[in-house]
Amino acid sequence: MTPTTSTYSLTLTAQQADYLLRLVTIAELALGEHNRTGWLPTGHGAATLMRTHLQAIRGAVSLEHPLRDLATWLRKASGS
């Protein structure tokens, strides 16, 4: 995927941002386990779906910095 200069604005409440970061964390844990052991989920169609997602993210632009910024904002918004 080629990086572009276009952006997308998404307005989130603190609760929505927290939920989004938790979903991303769960996904990162699953990907880490896959990379470490080759694990794939066993639900009907879940392994195929995960393989599709793995292929898609291999060439994707990293979200590490934007998500780190979101986590920083969330910590400040929640006062911790």
PDB file of N, CA and C in Angstrom:
ATOM      1  N   MET A   1       0.852  -1.170   0.000  1.00  0.00           N
ATOM      2  CA  MET A   1       0.000   0.000   0.000  1.00  0.00           C
ATOM      3  C   MET A   1       0.898   1.233   0.000  1.00  0.00           C
ATOM      4  N   THR A   2       0.624   2.177  -0.845  1.00  0.00           N
ATOM      5  CA  THR A   2       1.400   3.388  -0.947  1.00  0.00           C
ATOM      6  C   THR A   2       0.837   4.443  -0.002  1.00  0.00           C
ATOM      7  N   PRO A   3       1.692   5.019   0.862  1.00  0.00           N
ATOM      8  CA  PRO A   3       1.205   6.076   1.751  1.00  0.00           C
ATOM      9  C   PRO A   3       0.705   7.262   0.941  1.00  0.00           C
ATOM     10  N   THR A   4      -0.326   7.895   1.432  1.00  0.00           N
ATOM     11  CA  THR A   4      -0.850   9.086   0.780  1.00  0.00           C
ATOM     12  C   THR A   4      -0.827  10.236   1.771  1.00  0.00           C
ATOM     13  N   THR A   5      -1.059  11.416   1.277  1.00  0.00           N
ATOM     14  CA  THR A   5      -1.098  12.575   2.166  1.00  0.00           C
ATOM     15  C   THR A   5      -2.511  12.845   2.652  1.00  0.00           C
ATOM     16  N   SER A   6      -3.494  12.129   2.147  1.00  0.00           N
ATOM     17  CA  SER A   6      -4.857  12.351   2.594  1.00  0.00           C
ATOM     18  C   SER A   6      -5.049  11.770   3.990  1.00  0.00           C
ATOM     19  N   THR A   7      -5.951  12.362   4.738  1.00  0.00           N
ATOM     20  CA  THR A   7      -6.239  11.888   6.085  1.00  0.00           C
ATOM     21  C   THR A   7      -7.736  11.706   6.238  1.00  0.00           C
ATOM     22  N   TYR A   8      -8.102  11.061   7.316  1.00  0.00           N
ATOM     23  CA  TYR A   8      -9.500  10.841   7.621  1.00  0.00           C
ATOM     24  C   TYR A   8      -9.719  11.302   9.043  1.00  0.00           C
ATOM     25  N   SER A   9     -10.697  12.132   9.238  1.00  0.00           N
ATOM     26  CA  SER A   9     -10.994  12.639  10.569  1.00  0.00           C
ATOM     27  C   SER A   9     -12.090  11.791  11.195  1.00  0.00           C
ATOM     28  N   LEU A  10     -11.856  11.363  12.418  1.00  0.00           N
ATOM     29  CA  LEU A  10     -12.808  10.531  13.137  1.00  0.00           C
ATOM     30  C   LEU A  10     -12.947  11.090  14.543  1.00  0.00           C
ATOM     31  N   THR A  11     -14.138  11.511  14.881  1.00  0.00           N
ATOM     32  CA  THR A  11     -14.384  12.052  16.209  1.00  0.00           C
ATOM     33  C   THR A  11     -14.799  10.920  17.137  1.00  0.00           C
ATOM     34  N   LEU A  12     -14.056  10.766  18.237  1.00  0.00           N
ATOM     35  CA  LEU A  12     -14.336   9.724  19.210  1.00  0.00           C
ATOM     36  C   LEU A  12     -14.505  10.325  20.594  1.00  0.00           C
ATOM     37  N   THR A  13     -15.389   9.750  21.375  1.00  0.00           N
ATOM     38  CA  THR A  13     -15.443  10.087  22.788  1.00  0.00           C
ATOM     39  C   THR A  13     -14.295   9.348  23.472  1.00  0.00           C
ATOM     40  N   ALA A  14     -14.011   9.704  24.707  1.00  0.00           N
ATOM     41  CA  ALA A  14     -12.962   9.002  25.452  1.00  0.00           C
ATOM     42  C   ALA A  14     -13.298   7.519  25.580  1.00  0.00           C
ATOM     43  N   GLN A  15     -14.572   7.200  25.796  1.00  0.00           N
ATOM     44  CA  GLN A  15     -14.975   5.802  25.922  1.00  0.00           C
ATOM     45  C   GLN A  15     -14.778   5.050  24.604  1.00  0.00           C
ATOM     46  N   GLN A  16     -15.092   5.687  23.489  1.00  0.00           N
ATOM     47  CA  GLN A  16     -14.909   5.053  22.179  1.00  0.00           C
ATOM     48  C   GLN A  16     -13.425   4.858  21.874  1.00  0.00           C
ATOM     49  N   ALA A  17     -12.603   5.838  22.232  1.00  0.00           N
ATOM     50  CA  ALA A  17     -11.161   5.717  22.017  1.00  0.00           C
ATOM     51  C   ALA A  17     -10.604   4.571  22.852  1.00  0.00           C
ATOM     52  N   ASP A  18     -11.051   4.448  24.093  1.00  0.00           N
ATOM     53  CA  ASP A  18     -10.613   3.368  24.957  1.00  0.00           C
ATOM     54  C   ASP A  18     -10.997   2.018  24.354  1.00  0.00           C
ATOM     55  N   TYR A  19     -12.209   1.909  23.875  1.00  0.00           N
ATOM     56  CA  TYR A  19     -12.689   0.673  23.251  1.00  0.00           C
ATOM     57  C   TYR A  19     -11.857   0.327  22.015  1.00  0.00           C
ATOM     58  N   LEU A  20     -11.596   1.324  21.168  1.00  0.00           N
ATOM     59  CA  LEU A  20     -10.796   1.107  19.966  1.00  0.00           C
ATOM     60  C   LEU A  20      -9.399   0.619  20.323  1.00  0.00           C
ATOM     61  N   LEU A  21      -8.765   1.238  21.305  1.00  0.00           N
ATOM     62  CA  LEU A  21      -7.423   0.819  21.695  1.00  0.00           C
ATOM     63  C   LEU A  21      -7.423  -0.600  22.270  1.00  0.00           C
ATOM     64  N   ARG A  22      -8.476  -0.966  22.997  1.00  0.00           N
ATOM     65  CA  ARG A  22      -8.565  -2.335  23.525  1.00  0.00           C
ATOM     66  C   ARG A  22      -8.708  -3.346  22.387  1.00  0.00           C
ATOM     67  N   LEU A  23      -9.500  -3.011  21.365  1.00  0.00           N
ATOM     68  CA  LEU A  23      -9.635  -3.903  20.207  1.00  0.00           C
ATOM     69  C   LEU A  23      -8.304  -4.072  19.480  1.00  0.00           C
ATOM     70  N   VAL A  24      -7.598  -2.979  19.315  1.00  0.00           N
ATOM     71  CA  VAL A  24      -6.299  -3.044  18.644  1.00  0.00           C
ATOM     72  C   VAL A  24      -5.326  -3.877  19.466  1.00  0.00           C
ATOM     73  N   THR A  25      -5.352  -3.720  20.777  1.00  0.00           N
ATOM     74  CA  THR A  25      -4.465  -4.488  21.648  1.00  0.00           C
ATOM     75  C   THR A  25      -4.754  -5.980  21.544  1.00  0.00           C
ATOM     76  N   ILE A  26      -6.035  -6.347  21.541  1.00  0.00           N
ATOM     77  CA  ILE A  26      -6.411  -7.758  21.391  1.00  0.00           C
ATOM     78  C   ILE A  26      -5.896  -8.290  20.051  1.00  0.00           C
ATOM     79  N   ALA A  27      -6.055  -7.507  19.004  1.00  0.00           N
ATOM     80  CA  ALA A  27      -5.579  -7.927  17.679  1.00  0.00           C
ATOM     81  C   ALA A  27      -4.062  -8.080  17.679  1.00  0.00           C
ATOM     82  N   GLU A  28      -3.355  -7.150  18.317  1.00  0.00           N
ATOM     83  CA  GLU A  28      -1.898  -7.239  18.375  1.00  0.00           C
ATOM     84  C   GLU A  28      -1.452  -8.491  19.133  1.00  0.00           C
ATOM     85  N   LEU A  29      -2.159  -8.823  20.210  1.00  0.00           N
ATOM     86  CA  LEU A  29      -1.828 -10.039  20.958  1.00  0.00           C
ATOM     87  C   LEU A  29      -2.041 -11.287  20.098  1.00  0.00           C
ATOM     88  N   ALA A  30      -3.135 -11.315  19.358  1.00  0.00           N
ATOM     89  CA  ALA A  30      -3.412 -12.460  18.484  1.00  0.00           C
ATOM     90  C   ALA A  30      -2.354 -12.567  17.388  1.00  0.00           C
ATOM     91  N   LEU A  31      -1.972 -11.442  16.808  1.00  0.00           N
ATOM     92  CA  LEU A  31      -0.946 -11.465  15.763  1.00  0.00           C
ATOM     93  C   LEU A  31       0.406 -11.886  16.341  1.00  0.00           C
ATOM     94  N   GLY A  32       0.706 -11.399  17.535  1.00  0.00           N
ATOM     95  CA  GLY A  32       1.954 -11.803  18.186  1.00  0.00           C
ATOM     96  C   GLY A  32       1.996 -13.299  18.439  1.00  0.00           C
ATOM     97  N   GLU A  33       0.878 -13.852  18.902  1.00  0.00           N
ATOM     98  CA  GLU A  33       0.812 -15.295  19.140  1.00  0.00           C
ATOM     99  C   GLU A  33       0.946 -16.066  17.830  1.00  0.00           C
ATOM    100  N   HIS A  34       0.319 -15.554  16.777  1.00  0.00           N
ATOM    101  CA  HIS A  34       0.465 -16.201  15.461  1.00  0.00           C
ATOM    102  C   HIS A  34       1.926 -16.182  15.016  1.00  0.00           C
ATOM    103  N   ASN A  35       2.574 -15.039  15.158  1.00  0.00           N
ATOM    104  CA  ASN A  35       3.971 -14.925  14.730  1.00  0.00           C
ATOM    105  C   ASN A  35       4.889 -15.813  15.564  1.00  0.00           C
ATOM    106  N   ARG A  36       4.562 -15.977  16.846  1.00  0.00           N
ATOM    107  CA  ARG A  36       5.399 -16.768  17.748  1.00  0.00           C
ATOM    108  C   ARG A  36       5.205 -18.265  17.550  1.00  0.00           C
ATOM    109  N   THR A  37       3.945 -18.704  17.375  1.00  0.00           N
ATOM    110  CA  THR A  37       3.654 -20.142  17.383  1.00  0.00           C
ATOM    111  C   THR A  37       2.967 -20.658  16.122  1.00  0.00           C
ATOM    112  N   GLY A  38       2.520 -19.743  15.259  1.00  0.00           N
ATOM    113  CA  GLY A  38       1.769 -20.159  14.084  1.00  0.00           C
ATOM    114  C   GLY A  38       0.282 -20.356  14.372  1.00  0.00           C
ATOM    115  N   TRP A  39      -0.152 -19.991  15.585  1.00  0.00           N
ATOM    116  CA  TRP A  39      -1.548 -20.158  16.004  1.00  0.00           C
ATOM    117  C   TRP A  39      -2.503 -19.440  15.059  1.00  0.00           C
ATOM    118  N   LEU A  40      -3.623 -20.082  14.795  1.00  0.00           N
ATOM    119  CA  LEU A  40      -4.746 -19.480  14.079  1.00  0.00           C
ATOM    120  C   LEU A  40      -6.018 -19.838  14.836  1.00  0.00           C
ATOM    121  N   PRO A  41      -7.016 -18.960  14.832  1.00  0.00           N
ATOM    122  CA  PRO A  41      -8.268 -19.270  15.518  1.00  0.00           C
ATOM    123  C   PRO A  41      -8.943 -20.486  14.882  1.00  0.00           C
ATOM    124  N   THR A  42      -9.787 -21.174  15.648  1.00  0.00           N
ATOM    125  CA  THR A  42     -10.390 -22.413  15.165  1.00  0.00           C
ATOM    126  C   THR A  42     -11.861 -22.274  14.806  1.00  0.00           C
ATOM    127  N   GLY A  43     -12.451 -21.128  15.003  1.00  0.00           N
ATOM    128  CA  GLY A  43     -13.864 -20.945  14.675  1.00  0.00           C
ATOM    129  C   GLY A  43     -14.117 -21.071  13.182  1.00  0.00           C
ATOM    130  N   HIS A  44     -15.375 -21.346  12.835  1.00  0.00           N
ATOM    131  CA  HIS A  44     -15.777 -21.525  11.437  1.00  0.00           C
ATOM    132  C   HIS A  44     -15.410 -20.284  10.622  1.00  0.00           C
ATOM    133  N   GLY A  45     -14.478 -20.426   9.702  1.00  0.00           N
ATOM    134  CA  GLY A  45     -14.065 -19.330   8.832  1.00  0.00           C
ATOM    135  C   GLY A  45     -13.088 -18.362   9.474  1.00  0.00           C
ATOM    136  N   ALA A  46     -12.818 -18.501  10.783  1.00  0.00           N
ATOM    137  CA  ALA A  46     -11.975 -17.539  11.489  1.00  0.00           C
ATOM    138  C   ALA A  46     -10.520 -17.598  11.028  1.00  0.00           C
ATOM    139  N   ALA A  47     -10.000 -18.801  10.781  1.00  0.00           N
ATOM    140  CA  ALA A  47      -8.616 -18.928  10.334  1.00  0.00           C
ATOM    141  C   ALA A  47      -8.443 -18.293   8.952  1.00  0.00           C
ATOM    142  N   THR A  48      -9.395 -18.525   8.074  1.00  0.00           N
ATOM    143  CA  THR A  48      -9.339 -17.920   6.738  1.00  0.00           C
ATOM    144  C   THR A  48      -9.383 -16.403   6.835  1.00  0.00           C
ATOM    145  N   LEU A  49     -10.261 -15.890   7.686  1.00  0.00           N
ATOM    146  CA  LEU A  49     -10.368 -14.442   7.870  1.00  0.00           C
ATOM    147  C   LEU A  49      -9.068 -13.870   8.429  1.00  0.00           C
ATOM    148  N   MET A  50      -8.471 -14.568   9.404  1.00  0.00           N
ATOM    149  CA  MET A  50      -7.218 -14.074   9.966  1.00  0.00           C
ATOM    150  C   MET A  50      -6.114 -14.091   8.919  1.00  0.00           C
ATOM    151  N   ARG A  51      -6.048 -15.133   8.095  1.00  0.00           N
ATOM    152  CA  ARG A  51      -5.040 -15.166   7.024  1.00  0.00           C
ATOM    153  C   ARG A  51      -5.224 -13.984   6.074  1.00  0.00           C
ATOM    154  N   THR A  52      -6.466 -13.678   5.758  1.00  0.00           N
ATOM    155  CA  THR A  52      -6.758 -12.532   4.887  1.00  0.00           C
ATOM    156  C   THR A  52      -6.255 -11.236   5.515  1.00  0.00           C
ATOM    157  N   HIS A  53      -6.515 -11.068   6.803  1.00  0.00           N
ATOM    158  CA  HIS A  53      -6.053  -9.863   7.506  1.00  0.00           C
ATOM    159  C   HIS A  53      -4.527  -9.817   7.589  1.00  0.00           C
ATOM    160  N   LEU A  54      -3.905 -10.966   7.834  1.00  0.00           N
ATOM    161  CA  LEU A  54      -2.442 -11.008   7.892  1.00  0.00           C
ATOM    162  C   LEU A  54      -1.831 -10.580   6.561  1.00  0.00           C
ATOM    163  N   GLN A  55      -2.402 -11.056   5.457  1.00  0.00           N
ATOM    164  CA  GLN A  55      -1.899 -10.668   4.137  1.00  0.00           C
ATOM    165  C   GLN A  55      -2.089  -9.174   3.906  1.00  0.00           C
ATOM    166  N   ALA A  56      -3.225  -8.648   4.351  1.00  0.00           N
ATOM    167  CA  ALA A  56      -3.516  -7.228   4.123  1.00  0.00           C
ATOM    168  C   ALA A  56      -2.579  -6.317   4.911  1.00  0.00           C
ATOM    169  N   ILE A  57      -2.231  -6.711   6.142  1.00  0.00           N
ATOM    170  CA  ILE A  57      -1.411  -5.808   6.952  1.00  0.00           C
ATOM    171  C   ILE A  57       0.080  -5.917   6.663  1.00  0.00           C
ATOM    172  N   ARG A  58       0.492  -6.954   5.973  1.00  0.00           N
ATOM    173  CA  ARG A  58       1.929  -7.103   5.683  1.00  0.00           C
ATOM    174  C   ARG A  58       2.476  -5.893   4.928  1.00  0.00           C
ATOM    175  N   GLY A  59       1.733  -5.360   3.997  1.00  0.00           N
ATOM    176  CA  GLY A  59       2.215  -4.226   3.226  1.00  0.00           C
ATOM    177  C   GLY A  59       1.560  -2.914   3.598  1.00  0.00           C
ATOM    178  N   ALA A  60       0.790  -2.917   4.672  1.00  0.00           N
ATOM    179  CA  ALA A  60       0.045  -1.716   5.041  1.00  0.00           C
ATOM    180  C   ALA A  60       0.929  -0.705   5.773  1.00  0.00           C
ATOM    181  N   VAL A  61       0.519   0.530   5.724  1.00  0.00           N
ATOM    182  CA  VAL A  61       1.188   1.599   6.457  1.00  0.00           C
ATOM    183  C   VAL A  61       0.923   1.395   7.945  1.00  0.00           C
ATOM    184  N   SER A  62       1.942   1.570   8.756  1.00  0.00           N
ATOM    185  CA  SER A  62       1.828   1.349  10.194  1.00  0.00           C
ATOM    186  C   SER A  62       0.917   2.389  10.852  1.00  0.00           C
ATOM    187  N   LEU A  63       0.136   1.909  11.808  1.00  0.00           N
ATOM    188  CA  LEU A  63      -0.710   2.796  12.620  1.00  0.00           C
ATOM    189  C   LEU A  63      -0.101   3.034  13.997  1.00  0.00           C
ATOM    190  N   GLU A  64       1.139   2.592  14.179  1.00  0.00           N
ATOM    191  CA  GLU A  64       1.772   2.675  15.495  1.00  0.00           C
ATOM    192  C   GLU A  64       1.779   4.104  16.042  1.00  0.00           C
ATOM    193  N   HIS A  65       2.217   5.064  15.268  1.00  0.00           N
ATOM    194  CA  HIS A  65       2.305   6.442  15.765  1.00  0.00           C
ATOM    195  C   HIS A  65       0.939   7.065  16.028  1.00  0.00           C
ATOM    196  N   PRO A  66      -0.018   6.963  15.089  1.00  0.00           N
ATOM    197  CA  PRO A  66      -1.336   7.530  15.386  1.00  0.00           C
ATOM    198  C   PRO A  66      -2.000   6.883  16.604  1.00  0.00           C
ATOM    199  N   LEU A  67      -1.832   5.569  16.767  1.00  0.00           N
ATOM    200  CA  LEU A  67      -2.448   4.907  17.914  1.00  0.00           C
ATOM    201  C   LEU A  67      -1.737   5.276  19.208  1.00  0.00           C
ATOM    202  N   ARG A  68      -0.428   5.474  19.155  1.00  0.00           N
ATOM    203  CA  ARG A  68       0.299   5.941  20.334  1.00  0.00           C
ATOM    204  C   ARG A  68      -0.193   7.331  20.731  1.00  0.00           C
ATOM    205  N   ASP A  69      -0.405   8.197  19.729  1.00  0.00           N
ATOM    206  CA  ASP A  69      -0.942   9.534  20.002  1.00  0.00           C
ATOM    207  C   ASP A  69      -2.339   9.450  20.610  1.00  0.00           C
ATOM    208  N   LEU A  70      -3.157   8.526  20.101  1.00  0.00           N
ATOM    209  CA  LEU A  70      -4.499   8.341  20.635  1.00  0.00           C
ATOM    210  C   LEU A  70      -4.436   7.871  22.089  1.00  0.00           C
ATOM    211  N   ALA A  71      -3.534   6.950  22.388  1.00  0.00           N
ATOM    212  CA  ALA A  71      -3.383   6.462  23.767  1.00  0.00           C
ATOM    213  C   ALA A  71      -2.922   7.590  24.690  1.00  0.00           C
ATOM    214  N   THR A  72      -2.028   8.429  24.218  1.00  0.00           N
ATOM    215  CA  THR A  72      -1.568   9.572  25.015  1.00  0.00           C
ATOM    216  C   THR A  72      -2.727  10.519  25.289  1.00  0.00           C
ATOM    217  N   TRP A  73      -3.502  10.828  24.251  1.00  0.00           N
ATOM    218  CA  TRP A  73      -4.670  11.703  24.431  1.00  0.00           C
ATOM    219  C   TRP A  73      -5.653  11.096  25.425  1.00  0.00           C
ATOM    220  N   LEU A  74      -5.874   9.808  25.325  1.00  0.00           N
ATOM    221  CA  LEU A  74      -6.818   9.128  26.203  1.00  0.00           C
ATOM    222  C   LEU A  74      -6.351   9.195  27.659  1.00  0.00           C
ATOM    223  N   ARG A  75      -5.055   8.986  27.890  1.00  0.00           N
ATOM    224  CA  ARG A  75      -4.531   9.085  29.256  1.00  0.00           C
ATOM    225  C   ARG A  75      -4.741  10.485  29.805  1.00  0.00           C
ATOM    226  N   LYS A  76      -4.477  11.493  28.988  1.00  0.00           N
ATOM    227  CA  LYS A  76      -4.676  12.881  29.434  1.00  0.00           C
ATOM    228  C   LYS A  76      -6.148  13.174  29.677  1.00  0.00           C
ATOM    229  N   ALA A  77      -7.019  12.664  28.791  1.00  0.00           N
ATOM    230  CA  ALA A  77      -8.460  12.925  28.922  1.00  0.00           C
ATOM    231  C   ALA A  77      -9.031  12.264  30.173  1.00  0.00           C
ATOM    232  N   SER A  78      -8.465  11.117  30.552  1.00  0.00           N
ATOM    233  CA  SER A  78      -8.986  10.420  31.718  1.00  0.00           C
ATOM    234  C   SER A  78      -8.289  10.859  33.000  1.00  0.00           C
ATOM    235  N   GLY A  79      -7.271  11.710  32.881  1.00  0.00           N
ATOM    236  CA  GLY A  79      -6.589  12.240  34.045  1.00  0.00           C
ATOM    237  C   GLY A  79      -5.603  11.287  34.697  1.00  0.00           C
ATOM    238  N   SER A  80      -5.196  10.227  33.963  1.00  0.00           N
ATOM    239  CA  SER A  80      -4.228   9.309  34.573  1.00  0.00           C
ATOM    240  C   SER A  80      -2.845   9.476  33.993  1.00  0.00           C
TER     241      SER A  80
END
